[in-house]
N, C-alpha and C. Protein backbone atom coordinates (compact mmCIF):
# COMPACT_ATOMS: atom_id res chain seq x y z
N MET A 1 3.78 -27.47 -23.87
CA MET A 1 5.10 -27.49 -23.13
C MET A 1 5.48 -27.46 -22.01
N GLN A 2 5.26 -28.29 -20.84
CA GLN A 2 4.85 -27.56 -19.62
C GLN A 2 6.41 -27.88 -19.03
N ILE A 3 6.88 -26.78 -18.18
CA ILE A 3 7.98 -26.40 -17.39
C ILE A 3 7.73 -26.68 -16.08
N ARG A 4 8.70 -27.42 -15.08
CA ARG A 4 8.81 -27.60 -14.44
C ARG A 4 9.57 -27.81 -13.52
N PRO A 5 10.36 -27.45 -11.95
CA PRO A 5 11.74 -27.86 -11.25
C PRO A 5 12.03 -28.99 -12.01
N ALA A 6 13.57 -29.44 -12.31
CA ALA A 6 14.33 -30.41 -12.33
C ALA A 6 14.38 -30.75 -11.07
N VAL A 7 14.63 -32.02 -10.98
CA VAL A 7 15.07 -33.47 -9.85
C VAL A 7 16.47 -33.68 -10.27
N LEU A 8 16.98 -34.51 -9.05
CA LEU A 8 18.02 -35.49 -9.35
C LEU A 8 17.65 -36.80 -10.46
N SER A 9 16.67 -36.85 -10.63
CA SER A 9 16.81 -38.26 -11.37
C SER A 9 16.11 -38.21 -13.17
N ASP A 10 15.86 -35.89 -13.11
CA ASP A 10 16.70 -35.87 -14.51
C ASP A 10 18.15 -35.91 -14.77
N MET A 11 19.16 -35.80 -14.24
CA MET A 11 20.66 -35.62 -14.74
C MET A 11 20.77 -36.66 -15.86
N PRO A 12 20.59 -37.49 -15.71
CA PRO A 12 20.91 -37.89 -17.15
C PRO A 12 20.56 -37.90 -18.49
N ARG A 13 19.25 -36.93 -18.19
CA ARG A 13 18.59 -36.31 -19.60
C ARG A 13 19.65 -35.17 -20.19
N LEU A 14 19.25 -34.45 -18.86
CA LEU A 14 20.03 -32.95 -18.43
C LEU A 14 21.68 -32.86 -19.42
N MET A 15 22.25 -34.05 -19.16
CA MET A 15 23.78 -34.04 -19.31
C MET A 15 23.74 -34.58 -21.10
N GLU A 16 22.75 -35.24 -21.40
CA GLU A 16 22.10 -35.27 -22.65
C GLU A 16 22.37 -34.02 -23.45
N LEU A 17 21.26 -33.42 -23.00
CA LEU A 17 20.87 -32.22 -23.94
C LEU A 17 22.43 -31.19 -23.77
N PHE A 18 23.14 -31.33 -22.73
CA PHE A 18 24.39 -30.33 -22.65
C PHE A 18 25.20 -30.77 -23.56
N ALA A 19 24.99 -32.45 -23.58
CA ALA A 19 26.21 -32.68 -24.90
C ALA A 19 25.25 -32.48 -26.30
N ARG A 20 24.53 -32.54 -26.48
CA ARG A 20 23.49 -32.56 -27.76
C ARG A 20 24.05 -30.77 -27.71
N ALA A 21 24.05 -30.11 -26.86
CA ALA A 21 24.30 -28.26 -26.89
C ALA A 21 25.16 -28.52 -27.91
N ARG A 22 26.46 -28.99 -26.78
CA ARG A 22 28.02 -28.52 -27.02
C ARG A 22 27.96 -29.18 -28.81
N ARG A 23 27.57 -30.15 -28.82
CA ARG A 23 27.84 -30.33 -30.67
C ARG A 23 27.27 -29.68 -31.25
N PHE A 24 25.88 -29.28 -31.06
CA PHE A 24 25.60 -28.58 -31.93
C PHE A 24 26.46 -26.84 -32.05
N MET A 25 26.30 -26.61 -30.58
CA MET A 25 27.68 -25.18 -30.86
C MET A 25 28.25 -25.20 -31.77
N VAL A 26 28.95 -27.06 -31.73
CA VAL A 26 30.11 -26.57 -32.48
C VAL A 26 30.57 -26.70 -33.75
N ALA A 27 28.99 -27.12 -34.63
CA ALA A 27 28.59 -27.66 -35.89
C ALA A 27 27.88 -25.68 -36.09
N THR A 28 27.93 -24.84 -35.44
CA THR A 28 27.22 -23.90 -35.85
C THR A 28 28.04 -22.65 -35.12
N GLY A 29 29.27 -22.72 -35.46
CA GLY A 29 30.43 -22.08 -35.02
C GLY A 29 31.10 -21.55 -34.03
N ASN A 30 30.37 -21.88 -32.89
CA ASN A 30 30.79 -21.84 -31.65
C ASN A 30 30.77 -22.72 -30.78
N ALA A 31 32.52 -23.35 -31.25
CA ALA A 31 32.87 -24.15 -30.58
C ALA A 31 34.30 -23.83 -29.38
N SER A 32 33.72 -22.85 -28.58
CA SER A 32 34.38 -22.33 -27.47
C SER A 32 33.31 -21.93 -26.69
N GLN A 33 31.87 -22.31 -26.52
CA GLN A 33 31.62 -21.88 -25.68
C GLN A 33 31.78 -22.75 -24.37
N TRP A 34 31.02 -24.11 -24.15
CA TRP A 34 30.83 -25.08 -23.58
C TRP A 34 31.79 -26.09 -23.65
N ILE A 35 33.20 -25.59 -22.67
CA ILE A 35 34.60 -26.61 -23.64
C ILE A 35 34.32 -27.61 -21.83
N ASP A 36 35.50 -28.23 -21.83
CA ASP A 36 35.72 -28.74 -21.09
C ASP A 36 34.70 -29.89 -20.04
N GLY A 37 33.44 -30.24 -20.92
CA GLY A 37 32.37 -30.53 -19.98
C GLY A 37 31.04 -30.01 -19.50
N TYR A 38 31.69 -28.83 -19.64
CA TYR A 38 30.74 -27.41 -18.90
C TYR A 38 28.93 -27.47 -19.62
N PRO A 39 28.00 -27.27 -19.34
CA PRO A 39 28.27 -27.69 -17.79
C PRO A 39 28.42 -28.80 -16.99
N SER A 40 28.66 -29.14 -15.73
CA SER A 40 29.12 -30.37 -15.48
C SER A 40 28.26 -30.52 -14.69
N GLU A 41 28.30 -32.40 -14.37
CA GLU A 41 26.97 -32.83 -13.68
C GLU A 41 26.67 -31.97 -11.82
N GLU A 42 28.09 -31.92 -11.53
CA GLU A 42 28.18 -31.31 -10.19
C GLU A 42 27.99 -29.79 -9.63
N LEU A 43 27.70 -28.81 -10.90
CA LEU A 43 27.58 -27.93 -10.96
C LEU A 43 25.98 -27.92 -11.33
N MET A 44 25.30 -28.87 -12.01
CA MET A 44 24.17 -29.23 -12.21
C MET A 44 22.72 -29.33 -10.80
N ARG A 45 23.77 -30.42 -10.39
CA ARG A 45 23.44 -31.16 -8.72
C ARG A 45 22.86 -29.83 -8.24
N ARG A 46 24.09 -29.03 -7.89
CA ARG A 46 23.82 -27.54 -7.03
C ARG A 46 22.41 -26.84 -7.59
N GLU A 47 22.66 -26.82 -8.63
CA GLU A 47 21.75 -25.84 -9.72
C GLU A 47 19.95 -26.38 -9.08
N ILE A 48 20.13 -28.24 -9.28
CA ILE A 48 18.71 -28.82 -8.89
C ILE A 48 18.55 -28.15 -7.38
N ASP A 49 19.71 -28.33 -6.34
CA ASP A 49 19.38 -28.41 -4.79
C ASP A 49 18.97 -26.87 -4.38
N ALA A 50 18.73 -25.71 -5.69
CA ALA A 50 19.03 -24.53 -5.03
C ALA A 50 17.87 -24.09 -6.04
N GLY A 51 17.51 -25.17 -6.86
CA GLY A 51 15.80 -24.44 -7.08
C GLY A 51 15.80 -23.84 -8.54
N HIS A 52 17.39 -23.49 -9.52
CA HIS A 52 17.43 -22.94 -10.26
C HIS A 52 17.32 -23.33 -11.28
N CYS A 53 17.40 -25.05 -10.97
CA CYS A 53 17.30 -25.46 -12.96
C CYS A 53 16.49 -25.96 -12.78
N HIS A 54 15.48 -26.16 -14.49
CA HIS A 54 13.82 -26.30 -14.29
C HIS A 54 14.23 -26.69 -15.61
N VAL A 55 13.25 -27.92 -16.76
CA VAL A 55 12.57 -28.46 -17.31
C VAL A 55 12.05 -28.16 -18.71
N CYS A 56 11.54 -28.35 -19.32
CA CYS A 56 10.67 -28.17 -20.50
C CYS A 56 10.13 -29.50 -20.61
N THR A 57 8.87 -29.72 -20.63
CA THR A 57 8.84 -30.99 -20.90
C THR A 57 7.74 -31.47 -22.18
N THR A 58 7.33 -31.94 -23.08
CA THR A 58 6.44 -32.56 -23.57
C THR A 58 4.67 -33.09 -23.27
N ALA A 59 3.73 -32.96 -23.12
CA ALA A 59 2.66 -33.61 -22.32
C ALA A 59 2.51 -34.43 -22.19
N ALA A 60 3.29 -35.81 -22.91
CA ALA A 60 3.83 -37.31 -21.95
C ALA A 60 4.69 -36.80 -20.51
N GLY A 61 5.28 -36.42 -20.69
CA GLY A 61 6.39 -35.21 -19.65
C GLY A 61 7.66 -35.91 -20.46
N HIS A 62 8.22 -35.71 -21.60
CA HIS A 62 9.56 -36.33 -21.66
C HIS A 62 10.06 -34.92 -22.24
N VAL A 63 11.41 -34.77 -21.13
CA VAL A 63 12.11 -33.69 -20.92
C VAL A 63 12.61 -33.40 -22.71
N VAL A 64 12.81 -31.86 -23.22
CA VAL A 64 13.06 -31.55 -24.68
C VAL A 64 13.66 -30.36 -23.94
N GLY A 65 13.90 -29.75 -22.83
CA GLY A 65 15.02 -28.82 -22.67
C GLY A 65 15.12 -28.48 -21.41
N THR A 66 15.75 -27.52 -20.77
CA THR A 66 16.38 -27.25 -19.94
C THR A 66 16.81 -25.97 -19.57
N PHE A 67 16.59 -25.04 -18.31
CA PHE A 67 17.53 -24.15 -18.33
C PHE A 67 17.24 -23.11 -16.82
N CYS A 68 18.34 -22.57 -16.79
CA CYS A 68 18.00 -22.19 -15.59
C CYS A 68 17.81 -20.97 -15.12
N TYR A 69 16.97 -20.68 -14.03
CA TYR A 69 16.59 -19.28 -13.56
C TYR A 69 16.75 -18.33 -12.45
N ILE A 70 17.70 -17.87 -12.06
CA ILE A 70 18.13 -17.31 -10.95
C ILE A 70 17.54 -16.06 -10.85
N GLU A 71 17.07 -15.90 -9.48
CA GLU A 71 16.77 -14.23 -8.94
C GLU A 71 17.45 -14.27 -8.31
N GLY A 72 18.44 -12.77 -8.41
CA GLY A 72 19.42 -11.57 -7.45
C GLY A 72 20.42 -11.96 -7.86
N ASP A 73 21.35 -11.10 -7.40
CA ASP A 73 22.66 -10.73 -8.05
C ASP A 73 23.73 -11.41 -8.51
N ASP A 74 23.78 -11.35 -9.58
CA ASP A 74 24.56 -12.69 -10.62
C ASP A 74 26.25 -12.02 -10.20
N PRO A 75 26.82 -12.84 -9.80
CA PRO A 75 28.59 -11.92 -9.48
C PRO A 75 29.53 -11.29 -10.42
N ASN A 76 28.93 -12.47 -11.67
CA ASN A 76 30.11 -12.07 -12.98
C ASN A 76 29.07 -11.11 -13.47
N TYR A 77 27.83 -10.47 -12.84
CA TYR A 77 27.03 -9.08 -13.55
C TYR A 77 27.79 -7.82 -12.65
N ALA A 78 28.28 -7.88 -11.87
CA ALA A 78 28.99 -6.84 -11.36
C ALA A 78 29.76 -5.72 -12.38
N ARG A 79 30.79 -6.09 -13.16
CA ARG A 79 31.54 -5.46 -13.51
C ARG A 79 31.08 -5.89 -15.11
N ILE A 80 30.98 -4.63 -15.96
CA ILE A 80 30.10 -4.61 -17.61
C ILE A 80 31.14 -3.68 -17.57
N GLU A 81 32.09 -4.02 -18.89
CA GLU A 81 32.87 -3.41 -19.83
C GLU A 81 32.12 -3.28 -21.15
N ALA A 82 32.76 -1.94 -21.77
CA ALA A 82 32.12 -1.04 -22.62
C ALA A 82 31.21 -0.68 -23.26
N GLY A 83 30.05 -0.93 -21.64
CA GLY A 83 28.51 -0.57 -21.59
C GLY A 83 28.03 -0.35 -20.50
N GLU A 84 26.94 -0.50 -20.37
CA GLU A 84 26.98 -0.68 -18.78
C GLU A 84 24.75 -0.54 -19.09
N TRP A 85 24.49 -1.69 -17.46
CA TRP A 85 23.46 -1.52 -17.64
C TRP A 85 22.60 -0.87 -17.38
N PRO A 86 21.08 -0.65 -18.08
CA PRO A 86 20.13 0.28 -18.50
C PRO A 86 19.73 0.11 -16.90
N ASP A 87 19.24 -1.07 -16.09
CA ASP A 87 18.63 -0.75 -15.28
C ASP A 87 19.13 -1.71 -14.40
N THR A 88 19.48 -0.95 -12.97
CA THR A 88 20.37 -1.62 -11.72
C THR A 88 19.26 -2.30 -10.73
N SER A 89 17.89 -1.96 -11.14
CA SER A 89 16.92 -2.42 -9.82
C SER A 89 17.32 -4.22 -9.89
N PRO A 90 16.01 -4.48 -9.02
CA PRO A 90 16.32 -6.34 -8.85
C PRO A 90 16.33 -6.98 -9.95
N TYR A 91 16.71 -8.30 -10.26
CA TYR A 91 16.69 -8.57 -11.91
C TYR A 91 16.73 -10.36 -11.42
N ALA A 92 16.32 -11.02 -12.83
CA ALA A 92 16.34 -12.24 -12.58
C ALA A 92 17.52 -12.45 -14.08
N THR A 93 18.29 -13.91 -13.84
CA THR A 93 18.94 -14.39 -14.98
C THR A 93 18.51 -15.45 -15.63
N ILE A 94 18.35 -15.90 -16.88
CA ILE A 94 18.78 -17.16 -17.54
C ILE A 94 19.76 -17.30 -17.78
N HIS A 95 20.33 -18.59 -17.70
CA HIS A 95 21.41 -19.64 -17.97
C HIS A 95 21.37 -21.02 -18.21
N ARG A 96 22.46 -21.49 -18.97
CA ARG A 96 21.99 -23.05 -19.77
C ARG A 96 20.73 -23.33 -20.24
N LEU A 97 20.47 -22.40 -21.20
CA LEU A 97 19.66 -23.21 -21.94
C LEU A 97 20.22 -24.16 -23.00
N ALA A 98 19.15 -24.77 -23.10
CA ALA A 98 19.06 -26.06 -23.97
C ALA A 98 18.42 -27.02 -24.26
N THR A 99 18.53 -27.35 -25.15
CA THR A 99 17.17 -28.35 -25.63
C THR A 99 17.86 -29.91 -26.95
N SER A 100 16.71 -30.19 -27.18
CA SER A 100 16.83 -31.49 -27.12
C SER A 100 16.35 -31.43 -29.55
N GLY A 101 16.28 -30.03 -29.79
CA GLY A 101 15.84 -30.26 -31.12
C GLY A 101 14.81 -31.29 -31.54
N GLU A 102 14.38 -32.12 -30.08
CA GLU A 102 12.87 -32.97 -30.75
C GLU A 102 11.14 -31.81 -30.97
N GLU A 103 12.02 -30.81 -30.19
CA GLU A 103 10.28 -30.41 -29.95
C GLU A 103 10.76 -28.83 -31.03
N LYS A 104 9.81 -28.19 -31.43
CA LYS A 104 10.09 -26.30 -31.59
C LYS A 104 9.58 -25.86 -30.63
N GLY A 105 9.88 -24.66 -30.03
CA GLY A 105 8.67 -23.95 -28.93
C GLY A 105 9.81 -23.72 -27.43
N VAL A 106 10.94 -24.22 -27.52
CA VAL A 106 11.48 -24.77 -25.98
C VAL A 106 11.92 -23.15 -25.36
N ALA A 107 12.43 -22.67 -26.53
CA ALA A 107 13.49 -21.37 -26.33
C ALA A 107 12.12 -20.20 -25.74
N ASP A 108 10.73 -20.53 -26.27
CA ASP A 108 9.77 -19.68 -26.40
C ASP A 108 8.94 -19.94 -25.16
N ALA A 109 9.25 -21.28 -24.32
CA ALA A 109 8.69 -21.69 -23.55
C ALA A 109 9.27 -20.99 -22.08
N CYS A 110 10.54 -20.77 -22.85
CA CYS A 110 11.62 -20.63 -21.42
C CYS A 110 11.01 -19.13 -21.15
N MET A 111 11.63 -18.61 -22.18
CA MET A 111 11.56 -17.34 -21.92
C MET A 111 10.26 -16.44 -21.15
N ARG A 112 8.71 -16.67 -21.85
CA ARG A 112 7.85 -16.90 -21.31
C ARG A 112 7.83 -16.65 -20.27
N TRP A 113 7.94 -18.22 -19.50
CA TRP A 113 7.92 -18.55 -18.21
C TRP A 113 8.67 -17.72 -17.47
N CYS A 114 10.15 -17.12 -17.94
CA CYS A 114 10.64 -15.97 -17.48
C CYS A 114 10.10 -14.62 -17.10
N MET A 115 9.70 -14.24 -17.98
CA MET A 115 9.26 -13.36 -17.91
C MET A 115 7.41 -12.71 -17.49
N GLU A 116 6.86 -14.10 -17.09
CA GLU A 116 6.28 -14.17 -16.37
C GLU A 116 6.20 -13.87 -15.32
N ARG A 117 7.87 -13.73 -14.24
CA ARG A 117 8.58 -14.41 -12.95
C ARG A 117 8.97 -12.94 -12.82
N ASN A 118 9.42 -12.10 -13.40
CA ASN A 118 10.45 -11.08 -13.41
C ASN A 118 10.67 -10.08 -14.52
N ILE A 119 10.14 -9.00 -14.61
CA ILE A 119 10.25 -7.93 -15.59
C ILE A 119 11.56 -7.78 -16.20
N ASN A 120 12.48 -7.86 -15.33
CA ASN A 120 13.98 -7.35 -15.20
C ASN A 120 14.63 -8.19 -15.56
N LEU A 121 14.99 -8.85 -16.61
CA LEU A 121 15.75 -10.18 -16.67
C LEU A 121 17.39 -9.91 -17.67
N ARG A 122 18.15 -10.63 -17.22
CA ARG A 122 19.72 -10.41 -17.87
C ARG A 122 20.15 -11.90 -18.35
N ALA A 123 20.67 -11.45 -18.95
CA ALA A 123 21.42 -12.88 -19.41
C ALA A 123 23.28 -12.64 -20.47
N ASP A 124 23.59 -13.82 -20.69
CA ASP A 124 24.69 -13.57 -21.18
C ASP A 124 24.73 -14.30 -22.36
N THR A 125 25.73 -14.67 -23.03
CA THR A 125 26.32 -15.34 -23.98
C THR A 125 27.58 -15.56 -24.93
N HIS A 126 27.96 -16.00 -25.59
CA HIS A 126 29.53 -15.88 -26.22
C HIS A 126 29.41 -15.64 -27.37
N ARG A 127 30.21 -14.46 -27.68
CA ARG A 127 30.52 -13.79 -29.31
C ARG A 127 30.28 -14.60 -30.27
N ASP A 128 30.43 -15.77 -30.39
CA ASP A 128 29.92 -16.78 -31.68
C ASP A 128 28.49 -17.86 -31.79
N ASN A 129 27.89 -17.07 -30.80
CA ASN A 129 26.50 -17.79 -29.97
C ASN A 129 25.69 -16.92 -30.80
N TYR A 130 25.46 -17.10 -32.63
CA TYR A 130 24.77 -16.32 -32.70
C TYR A 130 23.31 -16.68 -32.44
N ILE A 131 22.84 -17.89 -32.62
CA ILE A 131 21.63 -18.34 -32.21
C ILE A 131 21.20 -17.74 -30.93
N MET A 132 21.97 -17.98 -30.02
CA MET A 132 21.44 -17.26 -28.85
C MET A 132 21.28 -15.83 -28.85
N GLN A 133 22.29 -15.26 -29.49
CA GLN A 133 22.14 -13.81 -29.52
C GLN A 133 20.46 -13.33 -30.63
N HIS A 134 20.38 -14.19 -31.00
CA HIS A 134 18.90 -13.93 -31.69
C HIS A 134 17.67 -14.21 -31.55
N ILE A 135 17.86 -14.98 -30.67
CA ILE A 135 16.42 -15.58 -29.67
C ILE A 135 16.89 -14.26 -28.39
N LEU A 136 17.40 -13.70 -27.81
CA LEU A 136 17.63 -12.73 -27.18
C LEU A 136 17.21 -11.21 -27.65
N ALA A 137 17.35 -11.33 -28.81
CA ALA A 137 17.26 -9.84 -29.69
C ALA A 137 15.49 -10.24 -29.56
N LYS A 138 15.07 -11.46 -30.38
CA LYS A 138 13.29 -12.10 -30.79
C LYS A 138 13.09 -11.76 -29.06
N TYR A 139 13.06 -11.69 -28.06
CA TYR A 139 12.48 -11.37 -26.62
C TYR A 139 12.91 -10.19 -25.76
N GLY A 140 13.12 -9.37 -26.82
CA GLY A 140 13.36 -8.12 -26.33
C GLY A 140 14.50 -7.65 -25.34
N PHE A 141 15.65 -7.87 -25.51
CA PHE A 141 16.61 -8.23 -24.67
C PHE A 141 17.25 -6.94 -25.18
N VAL A 142 18.56 -5.93 -24.88
CA VAL A 142 19.41 -5.45 -25.38
C VAL A 142 20.70 -5.45 -24.89
N TYR A 143 21.59 -5.55 -26.08
CA TYR A 143 22.94 -5.46 -25.51
C TYR A 143 23.29 -4.37 -24.46
N CYS A 144 23.95 -4.96 -24.04
CA CYS A 144 24.95 -4.04 -22.87
C CYS A 144 26.02 -3.81 -22.66
N GLY A 145 26.98 -4.49 -22.96
CA GLY A 145 28.04 -4.70 -23.20
C GLY A 145 29.03 -6.29 -22.81
N ILE A 146 30.20 -5.88 -22.25
CA ILE A 146 30.47 -7.29 -21.89
C ILE A 146 31.30 -7.83 -20.19
N ILE A 147 31.37 -8.69 -19.88
CA ILE A 147 30.95 -9.16 -19.03
C ILE A 147 32.19 -10.20 -18.71
N TYR A 148 32.20 -10.66 -18.00
CA TYR A 148 33.17 -12.01 -17.65
C TYR A 148 32.70 -12.80 -16.88
N VAL A 149 32.73 -14.03 -17.26
CA VAL A 149 32.01 -15.75 -16.59
C VAL A 149 33.64 -15.78 -15.38
N ALA A 150 33.36 -17.19 -14.29
CA ALA A 150 34.22 -17.21 -13.78
C ALA A 150 35.61 -18.04 -14.41
N ASN A 151 35.95 -18.50 -15.67
CA ASN A 151 36.75 -18.29 -16.17
C ASN A 151 37.56 -17.61 -16.25
N GLY A 152 37.10 -16.20 -16.49
CA GLY A 152 37.93 -15.05 -16.92
C GLY A 152 37.36 -15.33 -18.20
N THR A 153 36.82 -15.63 -19.12
CA THR A 153 36.30 -15.49 -20.34
C THR A 153 35.18 -14.45 -20.93
N PRO A 154 35.07 -13.72 -21.75
CA PRO A 154 33.74 -12.65 -21.76
C PRO A 154 33.06 -12.80 -22.70
N ARG A 155 31.78 -12.39 -22.03
CA ARG A 155 30.60 -12.81 -22.45
C ARG A 155 29.75 -11.40 -22.94
N LEU A 156 29.18 -11.47 -23.69
CA LEU A 156 27.99 -10.13 -24.16
C LEU A 156 27.26 -10.54 -23.31
N ALA A 157 26.49 -9.68 -23.06
CA ALA A 157 26.13 -9.21 -21.90
C ALA A 157 24.16 -8.52 -22.24
N TYR A 158 23.25 -9.00 -21.65
CA TYR A 158 21.95 -8.23 -22.26
C TYR A 158 21.17 -8.35 -21.35
N GLN A 159 19.89 -7.48 -21.12
CA GLN A 159 19.45 -7.12 -20.63
C GLN A 159 17.82 -6.96 -20.62
N ARG A 160 16.62 -7.18 -20.28
CA ARG A 160 15.28 -7.07 -20.66
C ARG A 160 14.43 -6.31 -19.78
N MET A 161 13.76 -5.60 -20.15
CA MET A 161 13.25 -4.79 -19.28
C MET A 161 11.62 -4.48 -19.80
N ALA A 162 10.32 -5.54 -19.99
CA ALA A 162 9.44 -5.33 -20.28
C ALA A 162 8.79 -4.34 -21.21
N ALA A 163 8.67 -3.34 -20.16
CA ALA A 163 8.19 -1.73 -20.25
C ALA A 163 8.84 -1.58 -21.83
N GLN A 164 10.04 -1.23 -21.95
CA GLN A 164 10.70 -0.85 -22.70
C GLN A 164 10.75 -1.74 -24.71
N ASN A 165 10.64 -3.04 -23.98
CA ASN A 165 10.84 -4.29 -24.69
C ASN A 165 9.57 -4.78 -25.15
N PRO A 166 8.94 -4.74 -25.72
CA PRO A 166 8.06 -5.84 -26.17
C PRO A 166 8.27 -7.36 -27.08
N VAL A 167 7.66 -8.60 -26.82
CA VAL A 167 7.98 -9.39 -27.71
C VAL A 167 7.78 -9.63 -28.60
N THR A 168 8.23 -10.06 -29.44
CA THR A 168 7.92 -9.58 -31.32
C THR A 168 7.47 -11.29 -31.29
N GLN A 169 6.69 -10.99 -32.39
CA GLN A 169 6.02 -12.76 -32.98
C GLN A 169 6.85 -12.92 -33.77
């Protein structure tokens, strides 16, 4: 599996991946995380323009997953409740991971790609997104507390520091 920056011509496929992810979340008991068409095409255009959005492709170039990797402070992470960040040094954040379900290993490729670029990673997910919570735990992320995203809803916040959290197989 290869990872490359997303380009605007990937937009129809990105929207398919997010629609599939929303259906999957509903089917697995997480009906309220990505609501009202989130993430929108407008948001994803901004993420592509900023160089944050990446796609996972097969050897043949077929897009089977996407995620955003963002270096620098995330304003949603400035305040954390019921816990604390164990490391406040510079970090990168992983957002909007979605797969087509056509290939195994998309989350693994995403996580390993991100870990190669920064040892201090953060992510957040909805309380009902047990699958993402499992993925984060598998890759050594530890639960840190509650943050609130831009629309005011809470998310479980996680951080990974490579020296303390080796990847399990």
